[in-house]
Amino acid sequence: MPNGRCRMHGGKSSGPTKGSKNALKHGMRTAEHIEFRRSLNDLLRKSRALVEETLA
């Protein structure tokens, strides 16, 4: 196209606008969920270490 954009898709996307609910499908990548996973993994790591320490 003369304007340098794809006729079918409009070229590169800059991503969703701030606050767009269309960008949030399941919440698995939200900051809150990422922090939750990190804290859960840390708790599991500490629990495994405690079990190993107790059994040894």
PDB file of N, CA and C in Angstrom:
ATOM      1  N   MET A   1       0.847  -1.180   0.000  1.00  0.00           N
ATOM      2  CA  MET A   1       0.000   0.000   0.000  1.00  0.00           C
ATOM      3  C   MET A   1       0.894   1.245   0.000  1.00  0.00           C
ATOM      4  N   PRO A   2       0.405   2.326  -0.559  1.00  0.00           N
ATOM      5  CA  PRO A   2       1.199   3.559  -0.616  1.00  0.00           C
ATOM      6  C   PRO A   2       1.575   4.116   0.766  1.00  0.00           C
ATOM      7  N   ASN A   3       0.746   3.900   1.763  1.00  0.00           N
ATOM      8  CA  ASN A   3       1.042   4.448   3.082  1.00  0.00           C
ATOM      9  C   ASN A   3       1.980   3.554   3.895  1.00  0.00           C
ATOM     10  N   GLY A   4       2.409   2.423   3.331  1.00  0.00           N
ATOM     11  CA  GLY A   4       3.360   1.546   4.010  1.00  0.00           C
ATOM     12  C   GLY A   4       2.738   0.582   4.992  1.00  0.00           C
ATOM     13  N   ARG A   5       1.431   0.513   5.038  1.00  0.00           N
ATOM     14  CA  ARG A   5       0.759  -0.401   5.962  1.00  0.00           C
ATOM     15  C   ARG A   5       0.106  -1.534   5.192  1.00  0.00           C
ATOM     16  N   CYS A   6      -0.085  -2.628   5.865  1.00  0.00           N
ATOM     17  CA  CYS A   6      -0.733  -3.786   5.261  1.00  0.00           C
ATOM     18  C   CYS A   6      -2.203  -3.458   4.982  1.00  0.00           C
ATOM     19  N   ARG A   7      -2.643  -3.791   3.807  1.00  0.00           N
ATOM     20  CA  ARG A   7      -4.027  -3.532   3.416  1.00  0.00           C
ATOM     21  C   ARG A   7      -5.009  -4.348   4.246  1.00  0.00           C
ATOM     22  N   MET A   8      -4.593  -5.562   4.622  1.00  0.00           N
ATOM     23  CA  MET A   8      -5.489  -6.439   5.354  1.00  0.00           C
ATOM     24  C   MET A   8      -5.411  -6.241   6.874  1.00  0.00           C
ATOM     25  N   HIS A   9      -4.195  -5.971   7.374  1.00  0.00           N
ATOM     26  CA  HIS A   9      -4.009  -5.965   8.819  1.00  0.00           C
ATOM     27  C   HIS A   9      -3.627  -4.611   9.394  1.00  0.00           C
ATOM     28  N   GLY A  10      -3.282  -3.651   8.575  1.00  0.00           N
ATOM     29  CA  GLY A  10      -2.956  -2.325   9.067  1.00  0.00           C
ATOM     30  C   GLY A  10      -1.542  -2.169   9.585  1.00  0.00           C
ATOM     31  N   GLY A  11      -0.686  -3.113   9.356  1.00  0.00           N
ATOM     32  CA  GLY A  11       0.702  -2.985   9.778  1.00  0.00           C
ATOM     33  C   GLY A  11       0.916  -3.454  11.194  1.00  0.00           C
ATOM     34  N   LYS A  12       2.061  -3.053  11.764  1.00  0.00           N
ATOM     35  CA  LYS A  12       2.399  -3.467  13.119  1.00  0.00           C
ATOM     36  C   LYS A  12       1.473  -2.829  14.129  1.00  0.00           C
ATOM     37  N   SER A  13       1.148  -3.578  15.120  1.00  0.00           N
ATOM     38  CA  SER A  13       0.292  -3.073  16.183  1.00  0.00           C
ATOM     39  C   SER A  13       1.159  -2.555  17.319  1.00  0.00           C
ATOM     40  N   SER A  14       0.745  -1.486  17.931  1.00  0.00           N
ATOM     41  CA  SER A  14       1.475  -0.974  19.086  1.00  0.00           C
ATOM     42  C   SER A  14       0.939  -1.585  20.375  1.00  0.00           C
ATOM     43  N   GLY A  15       0.019  -2.516  20.250  1.00  0.00           N
ATOM     44  CA  GLY A  15      -0.538  -3.187  21.419  1.00  0.00           C
ATOM     45  C   GLY A  15      -1.834  -2.548  21.862  1.00  0.00           C
ATOM     46  N   PRO A  16      -2.478  -3.123  22.851  1.00  0.00           N
ATOM     47  CA  PRO A  16      -3.751  -2.577  23.324  1.00  0.00           C
ATOM     48  C   PRO A  16      -3.537  -1.266  24.084  1.00  0.00           C
ATOM     49  N   THR A  17      -4.556  -0.463  24.125  1.00  0.00           N
ATOM     50  CA  THR A  17      -4.472   0.791  24.859  1.00  0.00           C
ATOM     51  C   THR A  17      -4.452   0.521  26.353  1.00  0.00           C
ATOM     52  N   LYS A  18      -3.960   1.473  27.112  1.00  0.00           N
ATOM     53  CA  LYS A  18      -3.903   1.319  28.569  1.00  0.00           C
ATOM     54  C   LYS A  18      -5.313   1.159  29.119  1.00  0.00           C
ATOM     55  N   GLY A  19      -5.487   0.183  29.988  1.00  0.00           N
ATOM     56  CA  GLY A  19      -6.782  -0.034  30.614  1.00  0.00           C
ATOM     57  C   GLY A  19      -7.770  -0.800  29.765  1.00  0.00           C
ATOM     58  N   SER A  20      -7.323  -1.338  28.628  1.00  0.00           N
ATOM     59  CA  SER A  20      -8.217  -2.075  27.748  1.00  0.00           C
ATOM     60  C   SER A  20      -8.526  -3.440  28.342  1.00  0.00           C
ATOM     61  N   LYS A  21      -9.787  -3.735  28.547  1.00  0.00           N
ATOM     62  CA  LYS A  21     -10.186  -5.034  29.086  1.00  0.00           C
ATOM     63  C   LYS A  21     -10.097  -6.121  28.022  1.00  0.00           C
ATOM     64  N   ASN A  22      -9.981  -5.730  26.747  1.00  0.00           N
ATOM     65  CA  ASN A  22      -9.854  -6.724  25.686  1.00  0.00           C
ATOM     66  C   ASN A  22      -8.500  -7.406  25.730  1.00  0.00           C
ATOM     67  N   ALA A  23      -7.515  -6.757  26.314  1.00  0.00           N
ATOM     68  CA  ALA A  23      -6.183  -7.340  26.383  1.00  0.00           C
ATOM     69  C   ALA A  23      -6.085  -8.383  27.492  1.00  0.00           C
ATOM     70  N   LEU A  24      -7.012  -8.390  28.411  1.00  0.00           N
ATOM     71  CA  LEU A  24      -6.979  -9.297  29.546  1.00  0.00           C
ATOM     72  C   LEU A  24      -7.946 -10.445  29.290  1.00  0.00           C
ATOM     73  N   LYS A  25      -7.391 -11.592  28.939  1.00  0.00           N
ATOM     74  CA  LYS A  25      -8.252 -12.729  28.633  1.00  0.00           C
ATOM     75  C   LYS A  25      -8.472 -13.617  29.838  1.00  0.00           C
ATOM     76  N   HIS A  26      -7.393 -13.901  30.586  1.00  0.00           N
ATOM     77  CA  HIS A  26      -7.522 -14.855  31.679  1.00  0.00           C
ATOM     78  C   HIS A  26      -6.821 -14.413  32.944  1.00  0.00           C
ATOM     79  N   GLY A  27      -6.019 -13.373  32.884  1.00  0.00           N
ATOM     80  CA  GLY A  27      -5.382 -12.854  34.080  1.00  0.00           C
ATOM     81  C   GLY A  27      -4.126 -13.578  34.510  1.00  0.00           C
ATOM     82  N   MET A  28      -3.631 -14.505  33.708  1.00  0.00           N
ATOM     83  CA  MET A  28      -2.452 -15.277  34.087  1.00  0.00           C
ATOM     84  C   MET A  28      -1.171 -14.458  34.035  1.00  0.00           C
ATOM     85  N   ARG A  29      -1.186 -13.325  33.351  1.00  0.00           N
ATOM     86  CA  ARG A  29       0.018 -12.522  33.208  1.00  0.00           C
ATOM     87  C   ARG A  29      -0.094 -11.158  33.891  1.00  0.00           C
ATOM     88  N   THR A  30      -1.054 -11.011  34.756  1.00  0.00           N
ATOM     89  CA  THR A  30      -1.175  -9.755  35.485  1.00  0.00           C
ATOM     90  C   THR A  30      -0.088  -9.694  36.555  1.00  0.00           C
ATOM     91  N   ALA A  31       0.263  -8.502  36.979  1.00  0.00           N
ATOM     92  CA  ALA A  31       1.314  -8.330  37.985  1.00  0.00           C
ATOM     93  C   ALA A  31       0.952  -9.052  39.280  1.00  0.00           C
ATOM     94  N   GLU A  32      -0.318  -9.018  39.645  1.00  0.00           N
ATOM     95  CA  GLU A  32      -0.750  -9.677  40.877  1.00  0.00           C
ATOM     96  C   GLU A  32      -0.555 -11.186  40.795  1.00  0.00           C
ATOM     97  N   HIS A  33      -0.888 -11.765  39.653  1.00  0.00           N
ATOM     98  CA  HIS A  33      -0.776 -13.215  39.502  1.00  0.00           C
ATOM     99  C   HIS A  33       0.682 -13.640  39.436  1.00  0.00           C
ATOM    100  N   ILE A  34       1.517 -12.856  38.774  1.00  0.00           N
ATOM    101  CA  ILE A  34       2.941 -13.172  38.701  1.00  0.00           C
ATOM    102  C   ILE A  34       3.552 -13.134  40.099  1.00  0.00           C
ATOM    103  N   GLU A  35       3.208 -12.123  40.884  1.00  0.00           N
ATOM    104  CA  GLU A  35       3.712 -12.026  42.254  1.00  0.00           C
ATOM    105  C   GLU A  35       3.211 -13.190  43.098  1.00  0.00           C
ATOM    106  N   PHE A  36       1.956 -13.600  42.899  1.00  0.00           N
ATOM    107  CA  PHE A  36       1.407 -14.746  43.624  1.00  0.00           C
ATOM    108  C   PHE A  36       2.182 -16.017  43.301  1.00  0.00           C
ATOM    109  N   ARG A  37       2.466 -16.243  42.015  1.00  0.00           N
ATOM    110  CA  ARG A  37       3.220 -17.437  41.615  1.00  0.00           C
ATOM    111  C   ARG A  37       4.619 -17.430  42.207  1.00  0.00           C
ATOM    112  N   ARG A  38       5.258 -16.271  42.212  1.00  0.00           N
ATOM    113  CA  ARG A  38       6.607 -16.188  42.777  1.00  0.00           C
ATOM    114  C   ARG A  38       6.595 -16.499  44.267  1.00  0.00           C
ATOM    115  N   SER A  39       5.627 -15.949  44.979  1.00  0.00           N
ATOM    116  CA  SER A  39       5.566 -16.206  46.423  1.00  0.00           C
ATOM    117  C   SER A  39       5.220 -17.670  46.704  1.00  0.00           C
ATOM    118  N   LEU A  40       4.365 -18.254  45.897  1.00  0.00           N
ATOM    119  CA  LEU A  40       4.022 -19.666  46.059  1.00  0.00           C
ATOM    120  C   LEU A  40       5.233 -20.553  45.793  1.00  0.00           C
ATOM    121  N   ASN A  41       5.989 -20.248  44.738  1.00  0.00           N
ATOM    122  CA  ASN A  41       7.192 -21.031  44.444  1.00  0.00           C
ATOM    123  C   ASN A  41       8.215 -20.902  45.559  1.00  0.00           C
ATOM    124  N   ASP A  42       8.344 -19.710  46.126  1.00  0.00           N
ATOM    125  CA  ASP A  42       9.263 -19.506  47.240  1.00  0.00           C
ATOM    126  C   ASP A  42       8.839 -20.345  48.446  1.00  0.00           C
ATOM    127  N   LEU A  43       7.542 -20.352  48.732  1.00  0.00           N
ATOM    128  CA  LEU A  43       7.020 -21.150  49.841  1.00  0.00           C
ATOM    129  C   LEU A  43       7.268 -22.637  49.609  1.00  0.00           C
ATOM    130  N   LEU A  44       7.071 -23.116  48.409  1.00  0.00           N
ATOM    131  CA  LEU A  44       7.322 -24.523  48.089  1.00  0.00           C
ATOM    132  C   LEU A  44       8.800 -24.873  48.247  1.00  0.00           C
ATOM    133  N   ARG A  45       9.677 -23.968  47.789  1.00  0.00           N
ATOM    134  CA  ARG A  45      11.115 -24.188  47.933  1.00  0.00           C
ATOM    135  C   ARG A  45      11.503 -24.311  49.405  1.00  0.00           C
ATOM    136  N   LYS A  46      10.971 -23.409  50.226  1.00  0.00           N
ATOM    137  CA  LYS A  46      11.277 -23.444  51.660  1.00  0.00           C
ATOM    138  C   LYS A  46      10.715 -24.701  52.316  1.00  0.00           C
ATOM    139  N   SER A  47       9.536 -25.125  51.888  1.00  0.00           N
ATOM    140  CA  SER A  47       8.926 -26.326  52.449  1.00  0.00           C
ATOM    141  C   SER A  47       9.750 -27.560  52.114  1.00  0.00           C
ATOM    142  N   ARG A  48      10.209 -27.657  50.873  1.00  0.00           N
ATOM    143  CA  ARG A  48      11.037 -28.802  50.470  1.00  0.00           C
ATOM    144  C   ARG A  48      12.334 -28.835  51.259  1.00  0.00           C
ATOM    145  N   ALA A  49      12.939 -27.663  51.456  1.00  0.00           N
ATOM    146  CA  ALA A  49      14.187 -27.593  52.222  1.00  0.00           C
ATOM    147  C   ALA A  49      13.951 -28.033  53.664  1.00  0.00           C
ATOM    148  N   LEU A  50      12.825 -27.632  54.237  1.00  0.00           N
ATOM    149  CA  LEU A  50      12.502 -28.016  55.608  1.00  0.00           C
ATOM    150  C   LEU A  50      12.287 -29.523  55.726  1.00  0.00           C
ATOM    151  N   VAL A  51      11.613 -30.110  54.760  1.00  0.00           N
ATOM    152  CA  VAL A  51      11.387 -31.557  54.764  1.00  0.00           C
ATOM    153  C   VAL A  51      12.716 -32.283  54.644  1.00  0.00           C
ATOM    154  N   GLU A  52      13.575 -31.827  53.728  1.00  0.00           N
ATOM    155  CA  GLU A  52      14.887 -32.462  53.572  1.00  0.00           C
ATOM    156  C   GLU A  52      15.711 -32.351  54.850  1.00  0.00           C
ATOM    157  N   GLU A  53      15.637 -31.191  55.499  1.00  0.00           N
ATOM    158  CA  GLU A  53      16.370 -30.980  56.736  1.00  0.00           C
ATOM    159  C   GLU A  53      15.845 -31.877  57.843  1.00  0.00           C
ATOM    160  N   THR A  54      14.539 -32.055  57.886  1.00  0.00           N
ATOM    161  CA  THR A  54      13.915 -32.873  58.918  1.00  0.00           C
ATOM    162  C   THR A  54      14.238 -34.349  58.731  1.00  0.00           C
ATOM    163  N   LEU A  55      14.232 -34.805  57.496  1.00  0.00           N
ATOM    164  CA  LEU A  55      14.473 -36.219  57.206  1.00  0.00           C
ATOM    165  C   LEU A  55      15.958 -36.587  57.285  1.00  0.00           C
ATOM    166  N   ALA A  56      16.812 -35.635  57.109  1.00  0.00           N
ATOM    167  CA  ALA A  56      18.265 -35.929  57.088  1.00  0.00           C
ATOM    168  C   ALA A  56      18.859 -36.071  58.456  1.00  0.00           C
TER     169      ALA A  56
END
